[in-house]
Structures are given as structure tokens and as C-alpha cells.
Protein backbone atom coordinates (compact mmCIF):
# COMPACT_ATOMS: atom_id res chain seq x y z
CA MET A 1 -214.82 -110.45 41.96
CA GLY A 2 -214.09 -112.10 45.27
CA GLY A 3 -215.77 -114.99 46.91
CA GLY A 4 -218.94 -116.67 46.55
CA VAL A 5 -222.25 -115.68 48.06
CA LEU A 6 -224.26 -117.78 50.70
CA VAL A 7 -228.23 -116.80 50.21
CA ILE A 8 -230.50 -117.96 53.06
CA GLY A 9 -234.15 -118.14 52.91
CA GLU A 10 -237.07 -119.67 51.24
CA SER A 11 -237.55 -121.63 47.83
CA LEU A 12 -241.12 -122.64 46.56
CA ILE A 13 -243.21 -123.49 43.91
CA ASP A 14 -245.12 -120.32 42.30
CA ILE A 15 -248.38 -121.56 40.87
CA VAL A 16 -249.01 -118.66 38.47
CA THR A 17 -252.54 -117.66 37.08
CA GLY A 18 -252.30 -115.63 34.22
CA THR A 19 -254.84 -113.15 32.75
CA ASP A 20 -255.95 -115.97 30.32
CA GLY A 21 -256.79 -117.90 33.40
CA ARG A 22 -254.34 -120.66 32.69
CA THR A 23 -252.26 -121.81 35.58
CA ALA A 24 -248.36 -123.08 35.41
CA GLU A 25 -246.11 -124.22 38.20
CA VAL A 26 -242.63 -122.38 38.34
CA VAL A 27 -239.84 -122.23 40.44
CA GLY A 28 -239.82 -119.30 43.13
CA GLY A 29 -239.26 -117.89 46.26
CA SER A 30 -237.41 -114.61 46.66
CA PRO A 31 -234.17 -115.90 47.80
CA ALA A 32 -234.19 -118.71 45.58
CA ASN A 33 -234.72 -116.24 42.85
CA VAL A 34 -231.68 -114.06 43.87
CA ALA A 35 -229.33 -117.30 43.96
CA LEU A 36 -230.55 -118.00 40.60
CA GLY A 37 -229.85 -114.48 39.50
CA LEU A 38 -226.38 -114.54 40.94
CA ALA A 39 -225.81 -117.86 39.28
CA ARG A 40 -226.77 -116.58 35.87
CA GLN A 41 -224.20 -113.69 36.60
CA ARG A 42 -221.52 -116.12 37.12
CA ILE A 43 -221.24 -115.85 40.78
CA PRO A 44 -220.73 -119.06 42.93
CA VAL A 45 -223.66 -119.29 45.24
CA ARG A 46 -224.73 -121.41 47.72
CA LEU A 47 -228.43 -121.44 48.86
CA LEU A 48 -229.47 -122.73 52.22
CA THR A 49 -233.24 -123.21 52.26
CA ALA A 50 -235.99 -125.42 53.51
CA LEU A 51 -237.30 -128.10 50.78
CA ALA A 52 -239.02 -131.63 51.18
CA ARG A 53 -238.30 -134.61 49.43
CA ASP A 54 -241.20 -134.34 47.49
CA GLU A 55 -241.93 -133.72 43.85
CA ARG A 56 -241.93 -130.29 44.37
CA GLY A 57 -238.92 -130.21 46.19
CA GLU A 58 -236.81 -132.23 43.87
CA ARG A 59 -237.93 -130.13 40.95
CA ILE A 60 -236.67 -126.95 42.93
CA GLY A 61 -233.66 -128.69 43.44
CA ALA A 62 -232.73 -129.91 40.09
CA HIS A 63 -233.65 -126.48 38.53
CA LEU A 64 -231.49 -124.42 40.84
CA GLU A 65 -228.58 -127.19 40.64
CA GLY A 66 -228.78 -127.16 36.91
CA GLU A 67 -228.34 -123.36 36.67
CA GLY A 68 -225.20 -123.47 39.02
CA VAL A 69 -226.82 -122.98 42.28
CA ASP A 70 -225.19 -125.17 45.17
CA ILE A 71 -227.98 -126.40 47.49
CA ASP A 72 -226.90 -126.65 50.83
CA PRO A 73 -227.65 -130.44 52.13
CA ALA A 74 -229.23 -129.03 55.41
CA SER A 75 -232.02 -127.44 53.11
CA TRP A 76 -233.69 -130.97 53.09
CA SER A 77 -235.50 -130.13 56.54
CA ALA A 78 -239.04 -129.17 55.46
CA PRO A 79 -242.41 -131.61 55.68
CA ALA A 80 -243.54 -130.25 52.47
CA THR A 81 -242.21 -127.90 49.92
CA SER A 82 -244.00 -124.51 50.28
CA THR A 83 -245.88 -123.08 47.41
CA ALA A 84 -247.18 -119.61 46.68
CA HIS A 85 -250.42 -118.85 44.30
CA ALA A 86 -249.56 -115.77 42.14
CA ARG A 87 -252.36 -114.07 40.33
CA ILE A 88 -251.31 -112.16 37.46
CA GLY A 89 -253.40 -108.53 36.91
CA ALA A 90 -253.97 -106.85 33.69
CA ASP A 91 -251.07 -104.46 34.60
CA GLY A 92 -248.60 -107.57 35.02
CA SER A 93 -248.62 -107.04 38.91
CA ALA A 94 -249.01 -110.33 41.13
CA ALA A 95 -251.18 -110.80 44.09
CA TYR A 96 -250.05 -113.95 46.04
CA ASP A 97 -251.38 -116.71 48.57
CA PHE A 98 -248.91 -118.64 50.45
CA ASP A 99 -248.89 -122.17 52.14
CA ILE A 100 -245.24 -122.04 53.54
CA ALA A 101 -243.11 -124.03 55.95
CA TRP A 102 -240.13 -122.29 57.13
CA THR A 103 -237.88 -124.06 59.34
CA LEU A 104 -234.05 -124.70 59.57
CA GLU A 105 -231.54 -126.75 61.47
CA ARG A 106 -230.14 -124.98 64.33
CA PRO A 107 -227.62 -123.18 64.47
CA VAL A 108 -227.52 -121.99 60.82
CA ALA A 109 -223.80 -122.77 59.85
CA LEU A 110 -222.33 -119.70 57.67
CA GLY A 111 -219.04 -121.98 56.89
CA ASP A 112 -216.54 -119.71 55.21
CA ALA A 113 -219.19 -117.61 53.16
CA THR A 114 -217.58 -113.95 52.87
CA HIS A 115 -220.99 -112.52 51.70
CA VAL A 116 -224.31 -113.58 52.93
CA HIS A 117 -227.79 -112.41 51.65
CA VAL A 118 -231.01 -112.88 53.70
CA GLY A 119 -234.58 -111.83 53.32
CA SER A 120 -238.16 -112.42 52.48
CA ILE A 121 -240.29 -114.81 54.25
CA GLY A 122 -236.99 -116.30 55.68
CA ALA A 123 -236.14 -113.41 57.45
CA PHE A 124 -239.33 -113.08 59.54
CA VAL A 125 -241.45 -116.33 59.27
CA GLU A 126 -240.58 -118.40 62.41
CA PRO A 127 -239.35 -121.01 63.62
CA GLY A 128 -236.39 -120.36 60.88
CA ALA A 129 -236.25 -116.38 61.09
CA THR A 130 -234.63 -116.83 64.71
CA ALA A 131 -232.18 -118.84 63.43
CA VAL A 132 -231.21 -116.60 60.47
CA GLU A 133 -230.94 -113.53 62.96
CA ALA A 134 -228.89 -115.60 65.33
CA ALA A 135 -226.41 -116.73 62.46
CA LEU A 136 -225.74 -112.98 61.38
CA ARG A 137 -225.27 -111.89 64.71
CA GLU A 138 -222.72 -114.53 64.98
CA ARG A 139 -221.04 -113.75 61.62
CA ARG A 140 -217.20 -113.34 61.20
CA PRO A 141 -215.76 -109.87 61.06
CA GLY A 142 -215.38 -108.71 57.61
CA THR A 143 -218.61 -110.60 56.62
CA VAL A 144 -220.77 -108.70 53.89
CA VAL A 145 -224.36 -108.50 54.62
CA THR A 146 -227.27 -107.94 52.21
CA PHE A 147 -231.02 -107.86 53.05
CA ASP A 148 -234.11 -107.71 51.08
CA PRO A 149 -237.49 -107.72 53.16
CA ASN A 150 -239.91 -108.21 50.37
CA ILE A 151 -242.59 -107.92 53.23
CA ARG A 152 -245.66 -110.35 52.56
CA PRO A 153 -248.32 -108.57 55.25
CA ALA A 154 -250.24 -111.96 55.31
CA LEU A 155 -247.20 -113.87 56.47
CA VAL A 156 -245.33 -111.74 58.97
CA PRO A 157 -245.90 -111.17 62.32
CA ALA A 158 -247.57 -107.96 63.99
CA HIS A 159 -246.46 -104.50 62.56
CA ALA A 160 -244.18 -103.38 65.62
CA GLN A 161 -242.58 -106.77 65.94
CA THR A 162 -241.56 -107.11 62.24
CA ARG A 163 -240.39 -103.71 62.09
CA ALA A 164 -238.25 -103.97 65.13
CA ARG A 165 -236.81 -107.45 63.58
CA PHE A 166 -236.49 -105.43 60.38
CA GLU A 167 -234.50 -102.76 62.10
CA ARG A 168 -232.32 -105.24 63.87
CA LEU A 169 -231.42 -106.96 60.35
CA VAL A 170 -230.58 -103.36 58.78
CA SER A 171 -228.26 -102.54 61.56
CA MET A 172 -226.19 -105.77 60.59
CA SER A 173 -226.25 -105.15 56.95
CA ASN A 174 -224.03 -103.45 54.40
CA LEU A 175 -226.81 -103.37 51.61
CA VAL A 176 -230.38 -103.13 51.99
CA LYS A 177 -232.87 -103.23 49.28
CA LEU A 178 -236.60 -102.61 49.63
CA SER A 179 -239.59 -101.81 47.50
CA ASP A 180 -241.96 -98.86 47.69
CA GLU A 181 -244.35 -101.17 48.69
CA ASP A 182 -242.43 -102.75 51.78
CA ALA A 183 -241.50 -98.85 52.57
CA GLU A 184 -245.05 -97.86 52.82
CA TRP A 185 -246.08 -100.74 55.03
CA LEU A 186 -242.95 -100.45 57.31
CA TYR A 187 -242.68 -96.63 57.44
CA PRO A 188 -246.36 -95.35 56.44
CA ALA A 189 -245.76 -91.55 57.83
CA LEU A 190 -242.01 -91.19 56.02
CA THR A 191 -241.50 -90.48 52.35
CA PRO A 192 -239.33 -92.80 50.07
CA ARG A 193 -236.00 -90.71 50.49
CA GLN A 194 -236.81 -90.52 54.51
CA VAL A 195 -236.85 -94.26 54.37
CA CYS A 196 -233.61 -94.57 52.60
CA THR A 197 -232.08 -92.03 55.02
CA HIS A 198 -233.50 -93.81 57.87
CA LEU A 199 -232.03 -96.81 57.03
CA VAL A 200 -228.45 -95.53 56.40
CA GLU A 201 -228.80 -93.97 59.77
CA LEU A 202 -229.36 -97.50 61.17
CA GLY A 203 -226.31 -98.55 59.60
CA ALA A 204 -226.68 -99.95 55.94
CA GLY A 205 -223.88 -98.70 53.75
CA VAL A 206 -226.26 -98.45 50.98
CA ALA A 207 -230.17 -98.22 50.82
CA ALA A 208 -231.69 -98.78 47.77
CA LEU A 209 -235.64 -98.14 47.41
CA THR A 210 -237.07 -99.58 44.15
CA ALA A 211 -240.60 -98.15 42.75
CA GLY A 212 -241.21 -100.23 39.46
CA GLY A 213 -241.51 -98.19 36.45
CA SER A 214 -240.70 -95.20 38.11
CA GLY A 215 -237.37 -96.22 39.15
CA ALA A 216 -235.44 -96.22 42.19
CA ILE A 217 -233.38 -94.39 44.97
CA LEU A 218 -229.96 -95.50 45.90
CA GLN A 219 -228.33 -93.56 48.97
CA SER A 220 -225.23 -93.91 51.30
CA SER A 221 -223.74 -91.75 53.75
CA ARG A 222 -222.40 -89.50 51.36
CA ALA A 223 -224.86 -89.24 48.27
CA VAL A 224 -228.17 -89.97 47.14
CA VAL A 225 -229.44 -90.51 43.33
CA ASP A 226 -232.62 -91.13 41.46
CA VAL A 227 -232.45 -94.09 38.94
CA GLY A 228 -234.77 -94.29 35.76
CA ALA A 229 -236.37 -97.57 35.04
CA PRO A 230 -235.80 -98.45 31.27
CA ARG A 231 -239.10 -98.34 29.23
CA VAL A 232 -240.00 -101.48 28.23
CA ALA A 233 -243.07 -103.52 27.46
CA VAL A 234 -244.16 -105.29 30.87
CA ARG A 235 -245.24 -109.02 30.59
CA ASP A 236 -245.58 -109.73 34.51
CA THR A 237 -243.45 -108.37 37.41
CA VAL A 238 -242.58 -111.67 38.98
CA GLY A 239 -238.81 -111.75 39.96
CA ALA A 240 -238.43 -107.81 39.10
CA GLY A 241 -237.08 -106.98 42.59
CA ASP A 242 -234.92 -109.90 43.21
CA THR A 243 -233.35 -109.52 39.77
CA PHE A 244 -232.51 -105.84 41.07
CA MET A 245 -231.30 -107.41 44.33
CA ALA A 246 -228.83 -109.90 42.53
CA ALA A 247 -227.57 -107.16 40.24
CA LEU A 248 -226.79 -104.96 43.07
CA ILE A 249 -224.80 -107.92 44.92
CA ARG A 250 -222.83 -108.41 41.73
CA ARG A 251 -222.04 -104.87 41.49
CA VAL A 252 -220.99 -104.84 45.17
CA LEU A 253 -218.63 -108.08 44.70
CA SER A 254 -217.31 -106.32 41.82
CA SER A 255 -216.79 -103.12 43.36
CA PRO A 256 -216.63 -103.23 47.14
CA GLU A 257 -216.05 -99.67 47.50
CA LEU A 258 -219.76 -99.30 46.94
CA LEU A 259 -220.17 -100.11 50.60
CA ASP A 260 -217.94 -97.35 52.02
CA ALA A 261 -219.32 -93.98 51.50
CA ALA A 262 -220.17 -94.44 47.68
CA THR A 263 -220.34 -91.33 45.71
CA GLU A 264 -223.12 -90.37 43.33
CA ALA A 265 -221.17 -91.58 40.37
CA ASP A 266 -220.86 -95.18 42.32
CA LEU A 267 -224.80 -95.28 42.94
CA LEU A 268 -225.92 -94.33 39.65
CA ALA A 269 -223.57 -96.93 37.84
CA ALA A 270 -224.91 -99.66 40.42
CA GLY A 271 -228.40 -98.32 40.20
CA SER A 272 -228.34 -98.46 36.39
CA TYR A 273 -227.09 -101.80 36.06
CA ALA A 274 -229.64 -103.23 38.40
CA ALA A 275 -232.39 -101.47 36.58
CA THR A 276 -231.42 -102.67 33.17
CA ALA A 277 -231.26 -106.14 34.84
CA ALA A 278 -234.93 -106.04 36.27
CA ALA A 279 -236.40 -104.71 32.93
CA ILE A 280 -235.16 -107.69 31.21
CA THR A 281 -237.05 -109.91 33.77
CA VAL A 282 -240.26 -107.85 33.22
CA GLN A 283 -240.37 -108.58 29.67
CA ARG A 284 -240.45 -112.42 30.35
CA ALA A 285 -243.02 -114.67 32.06
CA GLY A 286 -242.37 -115.45 35.80
CA ALA A 287 -239.12 -115.15 37.40
CA ASP A 288 -236.77 -115.67 34.45
CA LEU A 289 -233.68 -113.66 35.75
CA PRO A 290 -230.82 -112.63 32.96
CA THR A 291 -227.50 -113.74 32.53
CA LEU A 292 -224.76 -111.61 32.58
CA ASP A 293 -224.23 -111.45 28.95
CA GLU A 294 -227.84 -110.50 28.46
CA ILE A 295 -227.57 -107.40 31.12
CA LEU A 296 -224.16 -106.48 29.53
CA GLU A 297 -225.92 -106.38 26.16
CA ALA A 298 -228.65 -104.37 27.10
CA ALA A 299 -226.69 -102.04 28.87
CA ALA A 300 -224.37 -101.15 26.12
CA PRO A 301 -226.90 -98.88 24.20
CA LEU A 302 -227.35 -96.90 27.36
CA ALA A 303 -223.50 -96.32 27.89
CA SER A 304 -223.19 -95.19 24.13
């Protein structure tokens, strides 16, 4: 399976208001969700984030550490723990309002990490974003980088500036996953397949573009495949993309050849595993990512 993963990015409290008007607070943040998903798939993972020593920050730390995530000590750097108010629509989709503080110690120390995952607010919001990009530029040869932009238009800089940083990060990444909404915002004139082709041309070994219930596209320099999404009853979509990302990372750790001219069969196997994992999450409330056993159990009937 190889070594563990260093995840760099935000963690926060999701204040979730459901269709019934009830509100609950749960641990969230795309990179934190990815770290949680990796830990539940039995992958050693360290999270470098920005937390405050307040009640919400302590709650996030306790929750993630209880699931097996190692919180980097440098993470306790924020003046207040960030929040996102998520309002769940009738179709299960979520709309967000954010109160974010994203600061990191400089420089970011990658340590002995052989796989680094970055993304979301942590890749674009200053002052932390510059530290993240600098750390990737100084990574050791052979370090695998995965990236999920998870664009939040209300938080990122101007379009041209954000796309320029996105493309710089893609050029340093082995695997890039983005949603159809990310792709439409970044490249409104391109089709999803054209976006994937562009990302591979920029240097990504594998590009994955998810489209909810419509499935996903995975592309390498050698092949491109469409992956269907399992038909399930959707409770909400919170954490679905992060589940897909965490599942893809696990496949990369178990099958490093994915990043070196993956074949159609390679891409289809990885995409099907990730889609199965995401389908479990959308049937549950909030970012309740599945365990490895749950994913394998759900995938077994599909493989028979």
C-alpha cells in the first residue's frame, strides 16, 4: 500500500440547516473530509490545517483524531475556528456561506511525506495558499501530489488569478479531481472532456471530473473512460466529492501504475471504486464517509 498521506487544507464546522429547518453542527471542510475518508480506508494520514484552541477547534481535533487522523501540531494557528453554513435543498444539494480564517506557519514542512494532498479553500485563500504552493514547489523528487480545487466562487480571488494558480498547481500534480461545477467556472467555453484533456496536457497523470448522479470522466495520457454513478436514494450531497477524492487516493496508493499512462481498465476500476464510495456518502446525512469494509461490501455485487 505504500506510505501515508499528508493532507493540507481547511477544516471547519459545518452548520447544516436541513429542509425541515433544523440546524446541526458537524465537522467538515474538504481536506479534513479527505483525511477522514483516508483514515476510514485504513490509510495513515496526517492533516495540516488551521484550528483555534476554541470549543469548535477542540471538537474538530477530537473527532478527527478519534478516527485515526494525526493532527499536525502546527495546525493550532488560527484566531478562531472556521465555519460554513450549509443549507440543504429539496434535491439534497448544499449551498454554503463561509466564515474562514486560513493561515499557516511559514514555511510549510512536508517532512517525510511521500504523498501530499491539497485543495479547496486551502489552495486559494491567502495567506495560507501561498505557503501551500511554495511547499509543493519544494517537494522532494518522487512525491506524489493530488489536488481537488473544490472552487468556492464567493471566497476565491478574481477568475483569472484563480485559474492561473489552479493551473500552476495542476502542473505539479499527479492526480487532479474536480467537479462539473468547478470545470464550468474555470473553463466556461470547454466541454467536460475538453477540460480533462487540458488538465492532462498541463501535466496531470490522471484527471477526474465528477458530475453527481451523471457519473464521472477519468482520463490519462493513454485513455479516457466514462464511469456511471450507482443509482441510490440521495439524502444529501455533503462530502460526496471528498469521498470520491479519498477513494481515488487509496487506489493510487495501492496501484501506483495509475499515474503512469493508465489504461481504460485501470481508469474504470479506480473510477468505479470511487463512485461506489461516493454513493454510500450521499445516502447518509452530512460528510459521513464510508469505511473500507463498507466500500468493498457495496462493490461486491457490482463485480459479480
